[in-house]
Amino acid sequence: MSRSKKKTPVAPIVGPKSQKKAKQFAHRAERKRVKEAVHTKPLGDIFPMRREAYNNWHFPQEGKLFWGRSIWPNAMRK
């Protein structure tokens, strides 16, 4: 795998390389709200919306930057 290359030239602007931990936390919060709604509300009531439990603007990564492959060929290495 020493010669493997990325297919999409993208990198985070500010923050960690991955949002995995933030996404795990957000989905746990979402599942918790749905589970509470199932046990407390009668049938037919509206469940919490998908993004009510968390705000993806509060994730640690500030965005992604797409660059051309010709600018930094070494950055395309995994």
PDB file of N, CA and C in Angstrom:
ATOM      1  N   MET A   1       0.815  -1.188   0.000  1.00  0.00           N
ATOM      2  CA  MET A   1       0.000   0.000   0.000  1.00  0.00           C
ATOM      3  C   MET A   1       0.866   1.262   0.000  1.00  0.00           C
ATOM      4  N   SER A   2       2.137   1.126  -0.159  1.00  0.00           N
ATOM      5  CA  SER A   2       2.989   2.305  -0.096  1.00  0.00           C
ATOM      6  C   SER A   2       2.806   3.220  -1.298  1.00  0.00           C
ATOM      7  N   ARG A   3       2.249   2.700  -2.365  1.00  0.00           N
ATOM      8  CA  ARG A   3       2.049   3.531  -3.549  1.00  0.00           C
ATOM      9  C   ARG A   3       0.577   3.874  -3.785  1.00  0.00           C
ATOM     10  N   SER A   4      -0.283   3.647  -2.784  1.00  0.00           N
ATOM     11  CA  SER A   4      -1.694   3.947  -2.977  1.00  0.00           C
ATOM     12  C   SER A   4      -1.907   5.457  -2.952  1.00  0.00           C
ATOM     13  N   LYS A   5      -2.868   5.910  -3.712  1.00  0.00           N
ATOM     14  CA  LYS A   5      -3.145   7.338  -3.852  1.00  0.00           C
ATOM     15  C   LYS A   5      -4.603   7.618  -3.524  1.00  0.00           C
ATOM     16  N   LYS A   6      -4.872   8.825  -3.056  1.00  0.00           N
ATOM     17  CA  LYS A   6      -6.237   9.273  -2.831  1.00  0.00           C
ATOM     18  C   LYS A   6      -6.901   9.536  -4.166  1.00  0.00           C
ATOM     19  N   LYS A   7      -8.181   9.267  -4.251  1.00  0.00           N
ATOM     20  CA  LYS A   7      -8.909   9.534  -5.489  1.00  0.00           C
ATOM     21  C   LYS A   7      -9.418  10.963  -5.536  1.00  0.00           C
ATOM     22  N   THR A   8      -9.783  11.524  -4.378  1.00  0.00           N
ATOM     23  CA  THR A   8     -10.312  12.882  -4.322  1.00  0.00           C
ATOM     24  C   THR A   8      -9.351  13.757  -3.541  1.00  0.00           C
ATOM     25  N   PRO A   9      -8.854  14.822  -4.141  1.00  0.00           N
ATOM     26  CA  PRO A   9      -7.936  15.709  -3.433  1.00  0.00           C
ATOM     27  C   PRO A   9      -8.687  16.637  -2.477  1.00  0.00           C
ATOM     28  N   VAL A  10      -8.875  16.207  -1.241  1.00  0.00           N
ATOM     29  CA  VAL A  10      -9.614  16.992  -0.258  1.00  0.00           C
ATOM     30  C   VAL A  10      -8.916  16.886   1.097  1.00  0.00           C
ATOM     31  N   ALA A  11      -8.972  17.981   1.866  1.00  0.00           N
ATOM     32  CA  ALA A  11      -8.378  18.003   3.205  1.00  0.00           C
ATOM     33  C   ALA A  11      -9.156  18.988   4.066  1.00  0.00           C
ATOM     34  N   PRO A  12      -9.179  18.785   5.405  1.00  0.00           N
ATOM     35  CA  PRO A  12      -9.868  19.742   6.273  1.00  0.00           C
ATOM     36  C   PRO A  12      -9.122  21.067   6.317  1.00  0.00           C
ATOM     37  N   ILE A  13      -9.864  22.158   6.458  1.00  0.00           N
ATOM     38  CA  ILE A  13      -9.244  23.483   6.540  1.00  0.00           C
ATOM     39  C   ILE A  13      -8.647  23.678   7.930  1.00  0.00           C
ATOM     40  N   VAL A  14      -9.475  23.516   8.969  1.00  0.00           N
ATOM     41  CA  VAL A  14      -9.027  23.674  10.352  1.00  0.00           C
ATOM     42  C   VAL A  14      -9.635  22.550  11.172  1.00  0.00           C
ATOM     43  N   GLY A  15      -8.854  21.980  12.052  1.00  0.00           N
ATOM     44  CA  GLY A  15      -9.393  20.962  12.951  1.00  0.00           C
ATOM     45  C   GLY A  15      -8.826  19.592  12.662  1.00  0.00           C
ATOM     46  N   PRO A  16      -9.436  18.583  13.266  1.00  0.00           N
ATOM     47  CA  PRO A  16      -8.925  17.226  13.113  1.00  0.00           C
ATOM     48  C   PRO A  16      -9.125  16.693  11.704  1.00  0.00           C
ATOM     49  N   LYS A  17      -8.425  15.640  11.395  1.00  0.00           N
ATOM     50  CA  LYS A  17      -8.497  15.037  10.061  1.00  0.00           C
ATOM     51  C   LYS A  17      -9.830  14.344   9.834  1.00  0.00           C
ATOM     52  N   SER A  18     -10.464  13.892  10.910  1.00  0.00           N
ATOM     53  CA  SER A  18     -11.706  13.145  10.799  1.00  0.00           C
ATOM     54  C   SER A  18     -12.749  13.690  11.776  1.00  0.00           C
ATOM     55  N   GLN A  19     -14.020  13.514  11.442  1.00  0.00           N
ATOM     56  CA  GLN A  19     -15.122  13.914  12.320  1.00  0.00           C
ATOM     57  C   GLN A  19     -15.775  12.696  12.951  1.00  0.00           C
ATOM     58  N   LYS A  20     -15.082  11.597  13.011  1.00  0.00           N
ATOM     59  CA  LYS A  20     -15.664  10.336  13.458  1.00  0.00           C
ATOM     60  C   LYS A  20     -16.215  10.422  14.878  1.00  0.00           C
ATOM     61  N   LYS A  21     -15.459  10.957  15.818  1.00  0.00           N
ATOM     62  CA  LYS A  21     -15.896  11.012  17.217  1.00  0.00           C
ATOM     63  C   LYS A  21     -17.119  11.909  17.369  1.00  0.00           C
ATOM     64  N   ALA A  22     -17.139  13.041  16.681  1.00  0.00           N
ATOM     65  CA  ALA A  22     -18.279  13.950  16.763  1.00  0.00           C
ATOM     66  C   ALA A  22     -19.531  13.309  16.176  1.00  0.00           C
ATOM     67  N   LYS A  23     -19.377  12.588  15.078  1.00  0.00           N
ATOM     68  CA  LYS A  23     -20.524  11.918  14.464  1.00  0.00           C
ATOM     69  C   LYS A  23     -21.045  10.799  15.360  1.00  0.00           C
ATOM     70  N   GLN A  24     -20.145  10.055  16.012  1.00  0.00           N
ATOM     71  CA  GLN A  24     -20.571   9.002  16.927  1.00  0.00           C
ATOM     72  C   GLN A  24     -21.376   9.597  18.080  1.00  0.00           C
ATOM     73  N   PHE A  25     -20.889  10.688  18.643  1.00  0.00           N
ATOM     74  CA  PHE A  25     -21.583  11.344  19.747  1.00  0.00           C
ATOM     75  C   PHE A  25     -22.953  11.845  19.300  1.00  0.00           C
ATOM     76  N   ALA A  26     -23.023  12.446  18.117  1.00  0.00           N
ATOM     77  CA  ALA A  26     -24.282  12.987  17.610  1.00  0.00           C
ATOM     78  C   ALA A  26     -25.302  11.881  17.366  1.00  0.00           C
ATOM     79  N   HIS A  27     -24.879  10.770  16.795  1.00  0.00           N
ATOM     80  CA  HIS A  27     -25.813   9.685  16.522  1.00  0.00           C
ATOM     81  C   HIS A  27     -26.277   9.001  17.812  1.00  0.00           C
ATOM     82  N   ARG A  28     -25.406   8.943  18.823  1.00  0.00           N
ATOM     83  CA  ARG A  28     -25.827   8.403  20.114  1.00  0.00           C
ATOM     84  C   ARG A  28     -26.919   9.286  20.726  1.00  0.00           C
ATOM     85  N   ALA A  29     -26.720  10.604  20.637  1.00  0.00           N
ATOM     86  CA  ALA A  29     -27.719  11.529  21.170  1.00  0.00           C
ATOM     87  C   ALA A  29     -29.039  11.389  20.419  1.00  0.00           C
ATOM     88  N   GLU A  30     -28.966  11.219  19.120  1.00  0.00           N
ATOM     89  CA  GLU A  30     -30.178  11.057  18.311  1.00  0.00           C
ATOM     90  C   GLU A  30     -30.910   9.765  18.679  1.00  0.00           C
ATOM     91  N   ARG A  31     -30.181   8.663  18.784  1.00  0.00           N
ATOM     92  CA  ARG A  31     -30.802   7.394  19.140  1.00  0.00           C
ATOM     93  C   ARG A  31     -31.431   7.456  20.535  1.00  0.00           C
ATOM     94  N   LYS A  32     -30.776   8.166  21.448  1.00  0.00           N
ATOM     95  CA  LYS A  32     -31.310   8.300  22.804  1.00  0.00           C
ATOM     96  C   LYS A  32     -32.642   9.046  22.782  1.00  0.00           C
ATOM     97  N   ARG A  33     -32.738  10.128  22.012  1.00  0.00           N
ATOM     98  CA  ARG A  33     -33.982  10.891  21.934  1.00  0.00           C
ATOM     99  C   ARG A  33     -35.105  10.074  21.311  1.00  0.00           C
ATOM    100  N   VAL A  34     -34.791   9.316  20.281  1.00  0.00           N
ATOM    101  CA  VAL A  34     -35.809   8.487  19.641  1.00  0.00           C
ATOM    102  C   VAL A  34     -36.283   7.406  20.602  1.00  0.00           C
ATOM    103  N   LYS A  35     -35.347   6.795  21.316  1.00  0.00           N
ATOM    104  CA  LYS A  35     -35.707   5.740  22.261  1.00  0.00           C
ATOM    105  C   LYS A  35     -36.595   6.289  23.376  1.00  0.00           C
ATOM    106  N   GLU A  36     -36.269   7.499  23.873  1.00  0.00           N
ATOM    107  CA  GLU A  36     -37.102   8.119  24.898  1.00  0.00           C
ATOM    108  C   GLU A  36     -38.488   8.443  24.349  1.00  0.00           C
ATOM    109  N   ALA A  37     -38.555   8.898  23.114  1.00  0.00           N
ATOM    110  CA  ALA A  37     -39.847   9.232  22.511  1.00  0.00           C
ATOM    111  C   ALA A  37     -40.705   7.995  22.326  1.00  0.00           C
ATOM    112  N   VAL A  38     -40.102   6.882  21.990  1.00  0.00           N
ATOM    113  CA  VAL A  38     -40.858   5.640  21.802  1.00  0.00           C
ATOM    114  C   VAL A  38     -41.500   5.210  23.120  1.00  0.00           C
ATOM    115  N   HIS A  39     -40.794   5.369  24.225  1.00  0.00           N
ATOM    116  CA  HIS A  39     -41.295   4.891  25.507  1.00  0.00           C
ATOM    117  C   HIS A  39     -42.243   5.877  26.184  1.00  0.00           C
ATOM    118  N   THR A  40     -42.159   7.165  25.868  1.00  0.00           N
ATOM    119  CA  THR A  40     -42.961   8.145  26.593  1.00  0.00           C
ATOM    120  C   THR A  40     -44.172   8.642  25.808  1.00  0.00           C
ATOM    121  N   LYS A  41     -44.094   8.718  24.492  1.00  0.00           N
ATOM    122  CA  LYS A  41     -45.190   9.276  23.695  1.00  0.00           C
ATOM    123  C   LYS A  41     -46.127   8.174  23.226  1.00  0.00           C
ATOM    124  N   PRO A  42     -47.411   8.499  23.108  1.00  0.00           N
ATOM    125  CA  PRO A  42     -48.336   7.500  22.557  1.00  0.00           C
ATOM    126  C   PRO A  42     -48.086   7.293  21.066  1.00  0.00           C
ATOM    127  N   LEU A  43     -48.607   6.209  20.546  1.00  0.00           N
ATOM    128  CA  LEU A  43     -48.411   5.900  19.130  1.00  0.00           C
ATOM    129  C   LEU A  43     -49.006   7.000  18.253  1.00  0.00           C
ATOM    130  N   GLY A  44     -48.348   7.292  17.174  1.00  0.00           N
ATOM    131  CA  GLY A  44     -48.839   8.290  16.235  1.00  0.00           C
ATOM    132  C   GLY A  44     -48.244   9.671  16.437  1.00  0.00           C
ATOM    133  N   ASP A  45     -47.595   9.906  17.585  1.00  0.00           N
ATOM    134  CA  ASP A  45     -46.960  11.214  17.775  1.00  0.00           C
ATOM    135  C   ASP A  45     -45.716  11.331  16.905  1.00  0.00           C
ATOM    136  N   ILE A  46     -45.289  12.556  16.720  1.00  0.00           N
ATOM    137  CA  ILE A  46     -44.132  12.816  15.865  1.00  0.00           C
ATOM    138  C   ILE A  46     -42.851  12.565  16.651  1.00  0.00           C
ATOM    139  N   PHE A  47     -41.948  11.831  16.041  1.00  0.00           N
ATOM    140  CA  PHE A  47     -40.640  11.592  16.646  1.00  0.00           C
ATOM    141  C   PHE A  47     -39.723  12.787  16.397  1.00  0.00           C
ATOM    142  N   PRO A  48     -38.638  12.920  17.162  1.00  0.00           N
ATOM    143  CA  PRO A  48     -37.705  14.026  16.944  1.00  0.00           C
ATOM    144  C   PRO A  48     -37.127  13.989  15.528  1.00  0.00           C
ATOM    145  N   MET A  49     -36.913  15.157  14.970  1.00  0.00           N
ATOM    146  CA  MET A  49     -36.311  15.250  13.643  1.00  0.00           C
ATOM    147  C   MET A  49     -34.849  14.822  13.728  1.00  0.00           C
ATOM    148  N   ARG A  50     -34.280  14.507  12.581  1.00  0.00           N
ATOM    149  CA  ARG A  50     -32.923  13.958  12.528  1.00  0.00           C
ATOM    150  C   ARG A  50     -31.888  14.908  13.109  1.00  0.00           C
ATOM    151  N   ARG A  51     -31.999  16.192  12.866  1.00  0.00           N
ATOM    152  CA  ARG A  51     -30.964  17.140  13.309  1.00  0.00           C
ATOM    153  C   ARG A  51     -31.326  17.894  14.578  1.00  0.00           C
ATOM    154  N   GLU A  52     -32.367  17.461  15.289  1.00  0.00           N
ATOM    155  CA  GLU A  52     -32.724  18.142  16.531  1.00  0.00           C
ATOM    156  C   GLU A  52     -31.750  17.828  17.661  1.00  0.00           C
ATOM    157  N   ALA A  53     -31.157  16.667  17.650  1.00  0.00           N
ATOM    158  CA  ALA A  53     -30.303  16.232  18.752  1.00  0.00           C
ATOM    159  C   ALA A  53     -28.926  16.897  18.709  1.00  0.00           C
ATOM    160  N   TYR A  54     -28.498  17.337  17.556  1.00  0.00           N
ATOM    161  CA  TYR A  54     -27.167  17.915  17.436  1.00  0.00           C
ATOM    162  C   TYR A  54     -27.139  18.938  16.315  1.00  0.00           C
ATOM    163  N   ASN A  55     -26.115  19.746  16.309  1.00  0.00           N
ATOM    164  CA  ASN A  55     -25.935  20.766  15.282  1.00  0.00           C
ATOM    165  C   ASN A  55     -24.585  20.516  14.625  1.00  0.00           C
ATOM    166  N   ASN A  56     -24.582  20.185  13.346  1.00  0.00           N
ATOM    167  CA  ASN A  56     -23.309  19.854  12.711  1.00  0.00           C
ATOM    168  C   ASN A  56     -22.401  21.066  12.537  1.00  0.00           C
ATOM    169  N   TRP A  57     -22.888  22.259  12.827  1.00  0.00           N
ATOM    170  CA  TRP A  57     -22.020  23.442  12.812  1.00  0.00           C
ATOM    171  C   TRP A  57     -21.109  23.457  14.028  1.00  0.00           C
ATOM    172  N   HIS A  58     -21.412  22.637  15.017  1.00  0.00           N
ATOM    173  CA  HIS A  58     -20.574  22.579  16.219  1.00  0.00           C
ATOM    174  C   HIS A  58     -19.555  21.450  16.161  1.00  0.00           C
ATOM    175  N   PHE A  59     -19.440  20.794  15.035  1.00  0.00           N
ATOM    176  CA  PHE A  59     -18.420  19.758  14.883  1.00  0.00           C
ATOM    177  C   PHE A  59     -17.040  20.421  14.858  1.00  0.00           C
ATOM    178  N   PRO A  60     -15.988  19.693  15.242  1.00  0.00           N
ATOM    179  CA  PRO A  60     -14.668  20.317  15.369  1.00  0.00           C
ATOM    180  C   PRO A  60     -14.020  20.729  14.049  1.00  0.00           C
ATOM    181  N   GLN A  61     -14.397  20.120  12.962  1.00  0.00           N
ATOM    182  CA  GLN A  61     -13.767  20.445  11.677  1.00  0.00           C
ATOM    183  C   GLN A  61     -14.463  21.639  11.047  1.00  0.00           C
ATOM    184  N   GLU A  62     -13.699  22.555  10.473  1.00  0.00           N
ATOM    185  CA  GLU A  62     -14.261  23.784   9.947  1.00  0.00           C
ATOM    186  C   GLU A  62     -14.654  23.720   8.484  1.00  0.00           C
ATOM    187  N   GLY A  63     -14.458  22.644   7.827  1.00  0.00           N
ATOM    188  CA  GLY A  63     -14.823  22.554   6.422  1.00  0.00           C
ATOM    189  C   GLY A  63     -13.773  21.772   5.659  1.00  0.00           C
ATOM    190  N   LYS A  64     -13.977  21.643   4.375  1.00  0.00           N
ATOM    191  CA  LYS A  64     -13.031  20.898   3.553  1.00  0.00           C
ATOM    192  C   LYS A  64     -12.581  21.753   2.382  1.00  0.00           C
ATOM    193  N   LEU A  65     -11.366  21.525   1.967  1.00  0.00           N
ATOM    194  CA  LEU A  65     -10.766  22.258   0.864  1.00  0.00           C
ATOM    195  C   LEU A  65     -10.416  21.266  -0.234  1.00  0.00           C
ATOM    196  N   PHE A  66     -10.879  21.536  -1.432  1.00  0.00           N
ATOM    197  CA  PHE A  66     -10.556  20.704  -2.582  1.00  0.00           C
ATOM    198  C   PHE A  66      -9.429  21.384  -3.361  1.00  0.00           C
ATOM    199  N   TRP A  67      -8.389  20.649  -3.662  1.00  0.00           N
ATOM    200  CA  TRP A  67      -7.285  21.217  -4.419  1.00  0.00           C
ATOM    201  C   TRP A  67      -7.030  20.355  -5.647  1.00  0.00           C
ATOM    202  N   GLY A  68      -6.324  20.902  -6.586  1.00  0.00           N
ATOM    203  CA  GLY A  68      -5.990  20.141  -7.784  1.00  0.00           C
ATOM    204  C   GLY A  68      -4.864  19.161  -7.515  1.00  0.00           C
ATOM    205  N   ARG A  69      -4.863  18.081  -8.248  1.00  0.00           N
ATOM    206  CA  ARG A  69      -3.828  17.064  -8.043  1.00  0.00           C
ATOM    207  C   ARG A  69      -2.454  17.545  -8.446  1.00  0.00           C
ATOM    208  N   SER A  70      -2.388  18.488  -9.345  1.00  0.00           N
ATOM    209  CA  SER A  70      -1.089  18.946  -9.834  1.00  0.00           C
ATOM    210  C   SER A  70      -0.390  19.884  -8.846  1.00  0.00           C
ATOM    211  N   ILE A  71      -1.120  20.454  -7.898  1.00  0.00           N
ATOM    212  CA  ILE A  71      -0.506  21.410  -6.947  1.00  0.00           C
ATOM    213  C   ILE A  71       0.417  20.696  -5.977  1.00  0.00           C
ATOM    214  N   TRP A  72      -0.105  19.660  -5.279  1.00  0.00           N
ATOM    215  CA  TRP A  72       0.671  18.912  -4.312  1.00  0.00           C
ATOM    216  C   TRP A  72       0.573  17.432  -4.609  1.00  0.00           C
ATOM    217  N   PRO A  73       1.383  16.903  -5.480  1.00  0.00           N
ATOM    218  CA  PRO A  73       1.279  15.467  -5.789  1.00  0.00           C
ATOM    219  C   PRO A  73       1.620  14.573  -4.591  1.00  0.00           C
ATOM    220  N   ASN A  74       2.482  15.041  -3.686  1.00  0.00           N
ATOM    221  CA  ASN A  74       2.841  14.233  -2.516  1.00  0.00           C
ATOM    222  C   ASN A  74       1.692  14.159  -1.523  1.00  0.00           C
ATOM    223  N   ALA A  75       0.799  15.153  -1.526  1.00  0.00           N
ATOM    224  CA  ALA A  75      -0.332  15.151  -0.607  1.00  0.00           C
ATOM    225  C   ALA A  75      -1.390  14.129  -1.026  1.00  0.00           C
ATOM    226  N   MET A  76      -1.305  13.627  -2.241  1.00  0.00           N
ATOM    227  CA  MET A  76      -2.254  12.630  -2.707  1.00  0.00           C
ATOM    228  C   MET A  76      -1.892  11.229  -2.210  1.00  0.00           C
ATOM    229  N   ARG A  77      -0.730  11.063  -1.589  1.00  0.00           N
ATOM    230  CA  ARG A  77      -0.345   9.761  -1.031  1.00  0.00           C
ATOM    231  C   ARG A  77      -1.141   9.511   0.238  1.00  0.00           C
ATOM    232  N   LYS A  78      -1.483   8.257   0.524  1.00  0.00           N
ATOM    233  CA  LYS A  78      -2.211   7.920   1.742  1.00  0.00           C
ATOM    234  C   LYS A  78      -1.268   7.745   2.894  1.00  0.00           C
TER     235      LYS A  78
END
